[in-house]
Amino acid sequence: MRWNLPRALALCLLLVSPLQAMARVYTGIAPSGAWYQIEVPDQWRAGDTVVLFQHGFDLKPASNAPSLGPLREVMLAEGYAVAATSYRQRGWALFTAIADNRELLDVFTQKVGAPGEIVPFGGSMGGLIALRLAETRNLPPVRGAYALCPAAAGARLWDAAIDLRLAWDVVCHDAGDLPRGDEPLPWALNLDLVPDDLGDLTDDDGVARALVALNRCTGVNLPSYLRNDAMQRRLDELMAFSHITDEHFFVTNVGYAAFVLADVVRAPDKLGVRNPFTTAGVDYGSDPVIDAGIARLVADPGAAIALHAASDFRGAVGSAKIVSMHTSRDQLVIPGNEDFVRDLVPPEQRLVAIVDEDTPTHCGFSEAEGVAGWEALRTWKDGAPQPDVADLQRACTTYAASGLVDGPCRFDADASVTPFDAVVRPRPVAALVVPAHSQHARPPIAAPMPASSSSRVRSTEP
């Protein structure tokens, strides 16, 4: 999320009573090794509500206390305590994120007192974790969750990454090959080649320096006069195959397909050198060359189960209210992720809103849009009527007109979102070991291709 709230406290003076005494702040390292930060307004008492902020993806291991999020000042002024964990894992932290939040609540209870309610809130990967917390049992009650650009597809997101990673081998063969990893997963870099200083991989230059083959094959970060016709052709082919139109997002997605995918499958605290992916039987017919040459993998069932179990949102949120928002042209966590929220949460318990943007961003909400979503959730969970997208737009416009937070306000009640399956190719039903999202896994028309030198079936089961 790119927005923060330098003048948010002034807005709170219009919304709620003034902030009272200074908040209490607690930071430290939990027993698991995860960092935590807790901030508690003076008026907070045991039994009151705590917002659990979930940060987004970060490949860099935590070395200090995590942020409390872009709405920290607003939430504190409204009387909420706010707490966050860094997670004990770097990168795709879903394997331990729920346990990390349980640990955070234990620390909170020891230092401050037991909360009566929690409100999960996060963006991107953190948006998925917020949704997962809303359906997790044996936590304090969750009456509302706020998810911004959530990676709600869970394990299915990684189907896009493996497709791009293997398509690269076809398109860039002998023109910018990626480093190979050890068997049985040669398409996954060894962990010692995965840098830990790339953050969220949105730094094009950083990714390019760590992945020399990126420019050798596509010239994507080179000046136009150094990018030859062959580079441009390969870049165009890979971007079309991946449904990406923005070169910046292409670089980021390649970084995920190379570095993050390797960490997911090789890290000993994640899948431990097991393959969760199936490409055998997937229809890549939109690009006949890639369809003919792409490696056909067969998943290790145990690895697939583990990735789905850790990553998937299943919609079992009880009576909790969900506000989930997306920017319309996000090409990292695509708006089609909202399909999973719409399909799995009853209509009377969810508000899904799309912000209509002119330039592609990942979670690029304005200050006023972020506050409007939060205020809608806060009042709805506490008994107000269910809001709709038009309500968000009206509230956002009011906040922006006050001059206390910046617009624009771009909520689109008539937004049309490309379905997730139209962007991320469905897997064969037989390859899906967890049925929760079967509606997002229709089998392709084409039958699995026979093994040959150009189209091979590679089993990666140990």
Protein backbone atom coordinates (compact mmCIF):
# COMPACT_ATOMS: atom_id res chain seq x y z
CA MET A 1 0.00 0.00 0.00
CA ARG A 2 1.44 3.33 -0.96
CA TRP A 3 -0.78 5.56 1.15
CA ASN A 4 -0.07 6.83 4.62
CA LEU A 5 -1.93 9.33 6.74
CA PRO A 6 0.18 12.31 7.79
CA ARG A 7 -2.94 14.30 8.66
CA ALA A 8 -5.09 11.42 9.85
CA LEU A 9 -5.23 12.59 13.45
CA ALA A 10 -6.95 15.79 12.36
CA LEU A 11 -9.56 13.71 10.54
CA CYS A 12 -10.19 11.76 13.72
CA LEU A 13 -11.06 14.98 15.50
CA LEU A 14 -14.04 15.16 13.14
CA LEU A 15 -14.94 11.50 13.45
CA VAL A 16 -14.46 10.75 17.13
CA SER A 17 -13.56 12.32 20.44
CA PRO A 18 -10.00 13.67 20.68
CA LEU A 19 -7.14 11.33 21.43
CA GLN A 20 -6.53 11.29 25.15
CA ALA A 21 -3.18 10.67 26.82
CA MET A 22 -0.16 9.26 25.06
CA ALA A 23 -0.41 5.67 23.91
CA ARG A 24 1.64 2.93 25.53
CA VAL A 25 4.06 1.21 23.15
CA TYR A 26 5.52 -2.28 23.52
CA THR A 27 8.09 -3.81 21.15
CA GLY A 28 10.24 -6.89 21.34
CA ILE A 29 10.93 -10.38 20.08
CA ALA A 30 8.44 -13.18 20.77
CA PRO A 31 9.57 -16.72 21.68
CA SER A 32 9.31 -17.83 18.02
CA GLY A 33 11.78 -15.15 16.96
CA ALA A 34 9.14 -12.92 15.37
CA TRP A 35 9.25 -9.22 16.23
CA TYR A 36 6.14 -7.55 17.58
CA GLN A 37 4.84 -4.03 18.13
CA ILE A 38 1.83 -3.06 20.23
CA GLU A 39 0.36 0.40 20.76
CA VAL A 40 -2.45 0.98 23.23
CA PRO A 41 -4.36 4.24 23.79
CA ASP A 42 -4.67 5.33 27.39
CA GLN A 43 -8.44 4.74 27.47
CA TRP A 44 -8.16 1.10 26.35
CA ARG A 45 -9.21 -1.50 28.93
CA ALA A 46 -9.18 -5.32 28.95
CA GLY A 47 -12.13 -6.55 26.93
CA ASP A 48 -11.85 -3.76 24.37
CA THR A 49 -10.97 -4.28 20.69
CA VAL A 50 -7.54 -4.83 19.16
CA VAL A 51 -6.75 -4.35 15.47
CA LEU A 52 -4.25 -6.96 14.27
CA PHE A 53 -2.35 -5.41 11.36
CA GLN A 54 -0.88 -7.87 8.84
CA HIS A 55 2.00 -6.60 6.73
CA GLY A 56 2.50 -7.63 3.12
CA PHE A 57 5.11 -9.80 1.45
CA ASP A 58 8.75 -9.13 2.31
CA LEU A 59 11.62 -11.37 1.28
CA LYS A 60 13.94 -9.64 3.75
CA PRO A 61 13.99 -11.29 7.19
CA ALA A 62 12.69 -9.05 9.95
CA SER A 63 15.29 -7.15 11.95
CA ASN A 64 13.10 -4.74 13.89
CA ALA A 65 9.55 -4.12 15.05
CA PRO A 66 6.90 -4.22 12.30
CA SER A 67 4.76 -1.31 11.17
CA LEU A 68 1.30 -0.88 12.64
CA GLY A 69 -0.10 0.06 9.24
CA PRO A 70 -1.28 3.16 7.40
CA LEU A 71 -4.36 3.67 9.61
CA ARG A 72 -2.55 3.49 12.93
CA GLU A 73 -3.31 7.10 13.97
CA VAL A 74 -6.97 6.85 13.02
CA MET A 75 -7.45 3.58 14.89
CA LEU A 76 -5.67 4.79 18.05
CA ALA A 77 -7.74 7.98 18.06
CA GLU A 78 -10.89 5.89 17.86
CA GLY A 79 -9.84 3.94 20.95
CA TYR A 80 -8.54 0.75 19.36
CA ALA A 81 -5.30 -0.88 20.36
CA VAL A 82 -3.18 -1.88 17.36
CA ALA A 83 -0.73 -4.79 17.26
CA ALA A 84 1.42 -6.45 14.61
CA THR A 85 3.84 -9.35 14.21
CA SER A 86 6.72 -9.51 11.74
CA TYR A 87 6.03 -13.27 11.29
CA ARG A 88 8.80 -15.76 11.97
CA GLN A 89 9.10 -16.59 8.24
CA ARG A 90 10.29 -14.35 5.45
CA GLY A 91 8.46 -14.20 2.13
CA TRP A 92 5.27 -16.26 1.84
CA ALA A 93 4.67 -16.43 5.59
CA LEU A 94 1.34 -18.29 5.47
CA PHE A 95 2.84 -21.47 6.90
CA THR A 96 3.20 -19.86 10.34
CA ALA A 97 1.17 -16.63 10.14
CA ILE A 98 -1.79 -17.88 12.17
CA ALA A 99 0.49 -19.25 14.89
CA ASP A 100 2.42 -15.96 14.84
CA ASN A 101 -0.79 -14.02 15.48
CA ARG A 102 -1.77 -16.37 18.30
CA GLU A 103 1.63 -15.70 19.83
CA LEU A 104 1.10 -11.95 19.35
CA LEU A 105 -2.21 -12.18 21.21
CA ASP A 106 -0.51 -14.08 24.03
CA VAL A 107 2.08 -11.30 24.32
CA PHE A 108 -0.67 -8.66 24.18
CA THR A 109 -2.65 -10.39 26.93
CA GLN A 110 0.42 -10.69 29.17
CA LYS A 111 1.44 -7.07 28.77
CA VAL A 112 -1.90 -5.26 28.42
CA GLY A 113 -4.87 -7.54 29.09
CA ALA A 114 -7.13 -9.89 27.19
CA PRO A 115 -8.95 -8.32 24.21
CA GLY A 116 -12.68 -8.85 23.84
CA GLU A 117 -12.59 -8.64 20.02
CA ILE A 118 -10.01 -8.56 17.26
CA VAL A 119 -10.23 -6.87 13.86
CA PRO A 120 -7.77 -8.34 11.33
CA PHE A 121 -6.52 -5.79 8.78
CA GLY A 122 -3.91 -6.05 6.04
CA GLY A 123 -3.02 -5.63 2.40
CA SER A 124 -1.76 -8.01 -0.30
CA MET A 125 -0.41 -11.12 1.46
CA GLY A 126 -1.49 -9.41 4.67
CA GLY A 127 -5.00 -9.11 3.26
CA LEU A 128 -5.12 -12.88 2.82
CA ILE A 129 -3.85 -13.38 6.38
CA ALA A 130 -6.57 -11.02 7.62
CA LEU A 131 -9.18 -13.18 5.87
CA ARG A 132 -7.63 -16.36 7.24
CA LEU A 133 -7.72 -14.94 10.78
CA ALA A 134 -11.43 -14.18 10.37
CA GLU A 135 -12.09 -17.90 9.88
CA THR A 136 -9.65 -19.20 12.51
CA ARG A 137 -11.19 -20.80 15.57
CA ASN A 138 -10.16 -20.33 19.20
CA LEU A 139 -9.33 -16.66 18.82
CA PRO A 140 -11.16 -13.72 20.37
CA PRO A 141 -14.33 -12.93 18.40
CA VAL A 142 -13.95 -11.41 14.94
CA ARG A 143 -16.92 -9.25 13.94
CA GLY A 144 -15.15 -7.58 11.04
CA ALA A 145 -12.07 -7.89 8.83
CA TYR A 146 -10.56 -5.34 6.44
CA ALA A 147 -8.64 -6.70 3.44
CA LEU A 148 -6.94 -4.50 0.85
CA CYS A 149 -5.91 -6.11 -2.47
CA PRO A 150 -5.98 -9.50 -0.71
CA ALA A 151 -4.17 -12.47 -2.22
CA ALA A 152 -7.41 -14.37 -1.64
CA ALA A 153 -6.68 -17.06 -4.24
CA GLY A 154 -4.15 -18.53 -1.84
CA ALA A 155 -2.24 -21.44 -3.33
CA ARG A 156 -3.73 -20.78 -6.76
CA LEU A 157 -1.60 -17.63 -7.01
CA TRP A 158 1.44 -19.84 -7.33
CA ASP A 159 0.02 -21.52 -10.45
CA ALA A 160 0.65 -18.23 -12.25
CA ALA A 161 4.21 -18.17 -10.92
CA ILE A 162 5.08 -21.71 -12.00
CA ASP A 163 3.54 -21.10 -15.43
CA LEU A 164 5.71 -18.01 -15.96
CA ARG A 165 8.80 -19.75 -14.61
CA LEU A 166 8.43 -22.70 -16.99
CA ALA A 167 7.37 -20.55 -19.94
CA TRP A 168 10.62 -18.62 -19.48
CA ASP A 169 12.58 -21.82 -20.16
CA VAL A 170 10.80 -22.21 -23.49
CA VAL A 171 10.93 -18.61 -24.71
CA CYS A 172 14.39 -17.70 -23.40
CA HIS A 173 16.20 -20.98 -24.12
CA ASP A 174 19.82 -20.15 -25.06
CA ALA A 175 18.97 -16.45 -24.91
CA GLY A 176 18.97 -15.82 -21.17
CA ASP A 177 18.49 -19.08 -19.28
CA LEU A 178 17.73 -18.81 -15.58
CA PRO A 179 20.08 -20.60 -13.18
CA ARG A 180 19.09 -24.19 -12.51
CA GLY A 181 18.57 -25.67 -9.10
CA ASP A 182 19.38 -29.11 -7.80
CA GLU A 183 17.22 -32.11 -8.61
CA PRO A 184 14.45 -33.05 -8.09
CA LEU A 185 13.37 -29.42 -8.67
CA PRO A 186 15.74 -28.04 -11.33
CA TRP A 187 13.36 -25.16 -12.11
CA ALA A 188 13.67 -23.85 -8.54
CA LEU A 189 16.80 -21.90 -7.62
CA ASN A 190 18.84 -23.22 -4.75
CA LEU A 191 18.26 -21.20 -1.60
CA ASP A 192 21.75 -19.74 -1.61
CA LEU A 193 20.82 -17.94 -4.86
CA VAL A 194 17.72 -16.32 -3.34
CA PRO A 195 18.74 -12.85 -2.07
CA ASP A 196 17.31 -11.70 1.23
CA ASP A 197 17.61 -7.98 0.46
CA LEU A 198 14.99 -7.60 -2.30
CA GLY A 199 12.10 -6.68 -0.01
CA ASP A 200 8.79 -6.97 -1.86
CA LEU A 201 10.53 -7.26 -5.28
CA THR A 202 9.09 -3.98 -6.60
CA ASP A 203 12.59 -2.59 -7.20
CA ASP A 204 13.14 -3.28 -10.90
CA ASP A 205 16.86 -2.51 -10.77
CA GLY A 206 17.37 -4.74 -7.74
CA VAL A 207 15.60 -7.68 -9.36
CA ALA A 208 17.53 -7.14 -12.61
CA ARG A 209 20.88 -7.08 -10.79
CA ALA A 210 20.03 -10.33 -9.02
CA LEU A 211 18.61 -11.92 -12.18
CA VAL A 212 21.00 -11.16 -15.04
CA ALA A 213 19.02 -13.36 -17.43
CA LEU A 214 16.09 -10.94 -17.22
CA ASN A 215 17.78 -8.38 -19.44
CA ARG A 216 19.66 -10.87 -21.55
CA CYS A 217 16.42 -12.44 -22.70
CA THR A 218 13.99 -9.52 -22.79
CA GLY A 219 16.00 -6.31 -22.39
CA VAL A 220 13.15 -5.12 -20.19
CA ASN A 221 15.27 -2.72 -18.12
CA LEU A 222 17.53 -1.59 -20.93
CA PRO A 223 17.20 1.72 -22.77
CA SER A 224 15.14 1.31 -25.94
CA TYR A 225 18.19 1.74 -28.19
CA LEU A 226 19.84 -1.29 -26.54
CA ARG A 227 16.78 -3.55 -26.74
CA ASN A 228 16.96 -5.46 -30.02
CA ASP A 229 14.08 -6.97 -31.98
CA ALA A 230 14.64 -10.46 -30.60
CA MET A 231 14.52 -9.19 -27.02
CA GLN A 232 11.33 -7.28 -27.74
CA ARG A 233 9.71 -10.30 -29.34
CA ARG A 234 10.51 -12.51 -26.34
CA LEU A 235 9.32 -9.83 -23.92
CA ASP A 236 6.05 -9.41 -25.81
CA GLU A 237 5.48 -13.17 -25.87
CA LEU A 238 6.05 -13.66 -22.15
CA MET A 239 3.94 -10.64 -21.20
CA ALA A 240 1.07 -11.80 -23.41
CA PHE A 241 1.32 -15.33 -22.01
CA SER A 242 1.16 -13.94 -18.46
CA HIS A 243 -1.62 -11.39 -19.16
CA ILE A 244 0.71 -8.56 -18.09
CA THR A 245 0.68 -5.23 -19.91
CA ASP A 246 2.99 -3.18 -17.66
CA GLU A 247 6.75 -3.81 -17.85
CA HIS A 248 7.31 -2.89 -14.20
CA PHE A 249 4.81 -5.55 -13.14
CA PHE A 250 6.45 -8.01 -15.52
CA VAL A 251 9.80 -7.57 -13.73
CA THR A 252 8.15 -8.04 -10.34
CA ASN A 253 6.29 -11.15 -11.47
CA VAL A 254 9.48 -12.69 -12.88
CA GLY A 255 11.13 -12.00 -9.52
CA TYR A 256 8.36 -13.88 -7.77
CA ALA A 257 8.52 -16.74 -10.28
CA ALA A 258 12.27 -17.11 -9.83
CA PHE A 259 13.09 -16.18 -6.23
CA VAL A 260 9.93 -16.51 -4.18
CA LEU A 261 8.80 -19.73 -5.82
CA ALA A 262 12.18 -21.24 -4.96
CA ASP A 263 11.86 -20.16 -1.34
CA VAL A 264 8.36 -21.66 -1.08
CA VAL A 265 9.35 -25.07 -2.40
CA ARG A 266 12.86 -25.37 -0.96
CA ALA A 267 12.79 -23.67 2.46
CA PRO A 268 12.91 -26.31 5.21
CA ASP A 269 10.18 -24.48 7.17
CA LYS A 270 7.89 -24.46 4.12
CA LEU A 271 7.75 -27.32 1.59
CA GLY A 272 11.27 -28.69 2.12
CA VAL A 273 12.18 -29.54 -1.50
CA ARG A 274 8.78 -30.84 -2.54
CA ASN A 275 6.80 -29.82 -5.62
CA PRO A 276 3.15 -28.77 -5.09
CA PHE A 277 2.50 -27.90 -8.76
CA THR A 278 0.89 -29.71 -11.67
CA THR A 279 1.26 -28.47 -15.22
CA ALA A 280 0.45 -31.79 -16.90
CA GLY A 281 -2.97 -31.42 -18.51
CA VAL A 282 -3.03 -27.62 -18.31
CA ASP A 283 -4.12 -25.88 -21.52
CA TYR A 284 -1.47 -23.41 -22.68
CA GLY A 285 -2.93 -23.29 -26.17
CA SER A 286 -2.95 -19.48 -26.29
CA ASP A 287 0.76 -19.85 -27.14
CA PRO A 288 1.34 -23.02 -29.20
CA VAL A 289 5.11 -22.82 -28.84
CA ILE A 290 4.93 -22.67 -25.07
CA ASP A 291 2.17 -25.31 -25.03
CA ALA A 292 4.42 -27.67 -27.00
CA GLY A 293 7.60 -27.05 -25.02
CA ILE A 294 6.65 -26.34 -21.42
CA ALA A 295 7.71 -28.87 -18.78
CA ARG A 296 4.79 -30.97 -17.60
CA LEU A 297 5.05 -31.41 -13.85
CA VAL A 298 3.08 -33.73 -11.58
CA ALA A 299 2.64 -32.54 -8.00
CA ASP A 300 3.72 -34.34 -4.88
CA PRO A 301 0.27 -34.72 -3.26
CA GLY A 302 1.61 -34.05 0.21
CA ALA A 303 3.24 -30.81 -0.91
CA ALA A 304 0.06 -29.69 -2.65
CA ILE A 305 -1.98 -30.41 0.47
CA ALA A 306 0.49 -28.48 2.62
CA LEU A 307 0.50 -25.40 0.35
CA HIS A 308 -3.29 -25.31 0.11
CA ALA A 309 -3.77 -25.93 3.83
CA ALA A 310 -1.47 -23.05 4.74
CA SER A 311 -2.60 -20.61 2.04
CA ASP A 312 -6.26 -21.01 1.16
CA PHE A 313 -9.13 -18.86 2.38
CA ARG A 314 -12.21 -21.06 2.80
CA GLY A 315 -14.83 -18.48 3.78
CA ALA A 316 -15.82 -19.97 7.14
CA VAL A 317 -15.99 -16.55 8.80
CA GLY A 318 -19.05 -17.17 10.97
CA SER A 319 -21.02 -13.92 11.26
CA ALA A 320 -18.02 -11.63 10.60
CA LYS A 321 -18.40 -8.73 8.17
CA ILE A 322 -15.76 -8.45 5.43
CA VAL A 323 -14.76 -5.31 3.54
CA SER A 324 -12.39 -6.20 0.69
CA MET A 325 -11.06 -3.64 -1.80
CA HIS A 326 -8.91 -3.84 -4.92
CA THR A 327 -7.30 -1.46 -7.38
CA SER A 328 -8.61 -2.20 -10.86
CA ARG A 329 -5.33 -2.65 -12.76
CA ASP A 330 -3.24 -4.53 -10.23
CA GLN A 331 -1.06 -7.00 -12.17
CA LEU A 332 0.66 -8.60 -9.19
CA VAL A 333 -2.32 -9.60 -7.04
CA ILE A 334 -4.94 -9.36 -9.75
CA PRO A 335 -8.49 -8.08 -9.03
CA GLY A 336 -9.77 -11.57 -9.89
CA ASN A 337 -8.67 -12.57 -6.38
CA GLU A 338 -11.92 -10.97 -5.26
CA ASP A 339 -13.73 -13.89 -6.96
CA PHE A 340 -12.81 -15.98 -3.92
CA VAL A 341 -14.26 -13.46 -1.48
CA ARG A 342 -17.47 -13.17 -3.52
CA ASP A 343 -17.83 -16.93 -3.91
CA LEU A 344 -17.03 -17.92 -0.33
CA VAL A 345 -18.58 -15.20 1.85
CA PRO A 346 -22.38 -14.70 1.86
CA PRO A 347 -23.49 -11.46 0.14
CA GLU A 348 -24.99 -10.07 3.34
CA GLN A 349 -21.58 -10.37 5.06
CA ARG A 350 -19.24 -8.86 2.49
CA LEU A 351 -18.60 -5.66 0.63
CA VAL A 352 -16.24 -6.00 -2.33
CA ALA A 353 -15.20 -2.70 -3.90
CA ILE A 354 -13.05 -1.88 -6.91
CA VAL A 355 -11.16 1.41 -7.29
CA ASP A 356 -10.96 2.43 -10.97
CA GLU A 357 -7.38 3.53 -11.65
CA ASP A 358 -5.79 4.99 -14.79
CA THR A 359 -2.30 3.62 -14.12
CA PRO A 360 -1.59 0.10 -12.84
CA THR A 361 -0.65 -0.09 -9.16
CA HIS A 362 -0.50 -2.76 -6.52
CA CYS A 363 -2.73 -1.62 -3.66
CA GLY A 364 -2.41 2.02 -4.70
CA PHE A 365 -5.33 3.39 -2.70
CA SER A 366 -5.57 7.06 -1.84
CA GLU A 367 -5.72 8.13 1.80
CA ALA A 368 -9.42 8.99 1.52
CA GLU A 369 -10.25 5.61 -0.06
CA GLY A 370 -8.47 3.74 2.73
CA VAL A 371 -10.26 5.69 5.46
CA ALA A 372 -13.63 5.28 3.73
CA GLY A 373 -13.25 1.49 3.68
CA TRP A 374 -12.20 1.37 7.31
CA GLU A 375 -15.02 3.58 8.54
CA ALA A 376 -17.54 1.52 6.56
CA LEU A 377 -16.33 -1.69 8.21
CA ARG A 378 -16.07 -0.18 11.68
CA THR A 379 -19.63 1.12 11.76
CA TRP A 380 -21.11 -1.91 9.95
CA LYS A 381 -19.63 -4.45 12.37
CA ASP A 382 -20.97 -2.37 15.25
CA GLY A 383 -24.55 -2.44 13.99
CA ALA A 384 -24.91 0.07 11.14
CA PRO A 385 -26.68 -1.03 7.92
CA GLN A 386 -24.61 -2.88 5.35
CA PRO A 387 -22.79 -0.32 3.17
CA ASP A 388 -22.42 -0.53 -0.59
CA VAL A 389 -19.87 0.81 -3.07
CA ALA A 390 -21.83 4.03 -3.57
CA ASP A 391 -21.65 4.64 0.18
CA LEU A 392 -17.87 4.28 0.04
CA GLN A 393 -17.65 6.81 -2.78
CA ARG A 394 -19.83 9.34 -0.93
CA ALA A 395 -17.86 8.97 2.29
CA CYS A 396 -14.54 9.17 0.47
CA THR A 397 -15.61 12.35 -1.32
CA THR A 398 -16.61 13.92 1.99
CA TYR A 399 -13.28 13.08 3.62
CA ALA A 400 -11.28 14.35 0.63
CA ALA A 401 -13.34 17.57 0.43
CA SER A 402 -12.48 18.30 4.06
CA GLY A 403 -8.87 18.76 3.04
CA LEU A 404 -7.73 16.52 5.89
CA VAL A 405 -6.83 13.52 3.74
CA ASP A 406 -5.93 13.27 0.08
CA GLY A 407 -8.09 11.82 -2.67
CA PRO A 408 -8.90 10.93 -5.32
CA CYS A 409 -12.08 8.92 -4.77
CA ARG A 410 -12.51 6.33 -7.52
CA PHE A 411 -14.88 3.64 -6.23
CA ASP A 412 -16.70 2.16 -9.21
CA ALA A 413 -20.05 0.54 -8.44
CA ASP A 414 -20.21 -0.84 -11.99
CA ALA A 415 -16.67 -2.20 -12.18
CA SER A 416 -16.14 -5.29 -14.32
CA VAL A 417 -13.36 -7.62 -13.15
CA THR A 418 -11.73 -10.24 -15.38
CA PRO A 419 -12.36 -13.62 -13.71
CA PHE A 420 -9.40 -15.22 -11.98
CA ASP A 421 -9.54 -18.33 -14.18
CA ALA A 422 -9.33 -16.18 -17.30
CA VAL A 423 -5.91 -14.95 -16.17
CA VAL A 424 -4.48 -17.89 -14.18
CA ARG A 425 -4.93 -21.08 -16.16
CA PRO A 426 -7.11 -23.65 -14.39
CA ARG A 427 -5.55 -26.90 -13.23
CA PRO A 428 -7.00 -30.33 -14.01
CA VAL A 429 -9.51 -31.33 -11.34
CA ALA A 430 -7.51 -34.48 -10.58
CA ALA A 431 -4.55 -32.29 -9.60
CA LEU A 432 -6.51 -30.51 -6.88
CA VAL A 433 -6.18 -32.17 -3.53
CA VAL A 434 -8.18 -29.62 -1.54
CA PRO A 435 -11.75 -29.19 -2.85
CA ALA A 436 -12.52 -25.82 -1.23
CA HIS A 437 -11.96 -23.90 -4.47
CA SER A 438 -13.14 -26.46 -7.02
CA GLN A 439 -15.20 -23.78 -8.72
CA HIS A 440 -11.86 -22.14 -9.60
CA ALA A 441 -10.32 -25.25 -11.07
CA ARG A 442 -12.28 -26.32 -14.09
CA PRO A 443 -10.45 -28.90 -16.19
CA PRO A 444 -9.01 -27.70 -19.50
CA ILE A 445 -10.49 -28.97 -22.74
CA ALA A 446 -7.18 -30.34 -23.97
CA ALA A 447 -6.04 -33.73 -22.76
CA PRO A 448 -2.60 -34.12 -21.19
CA MET A 449 0.13 -34.13 -23.81
CA PRO A 450 2.20 -37.30 -24.25
CA ALA A 451 5.76 -37.23 -23.04
CA SER A 452 8.33 -36.33 -25.67
CA SER A 453 11.52 -34.37 -26.00
CA SER A 454 9.54 -31.12 -26.31
CA SER A 455 6.61 -31.96 -24.04
CA ARG A 456 7.61 -34.08 -21.10
CA VAL A 457 5.97 -35.23 -17.92
CA ARG A 458 8.29 -34.77 -14.99
CA SER A 459 7.32 -36.37 -11.70
CA THR A 460 8.91 -34.58 -8.78
CA GLU A 461 7.63 -36.85 -6.05
CA PRO A 462 10.48 -37.93 -3.78
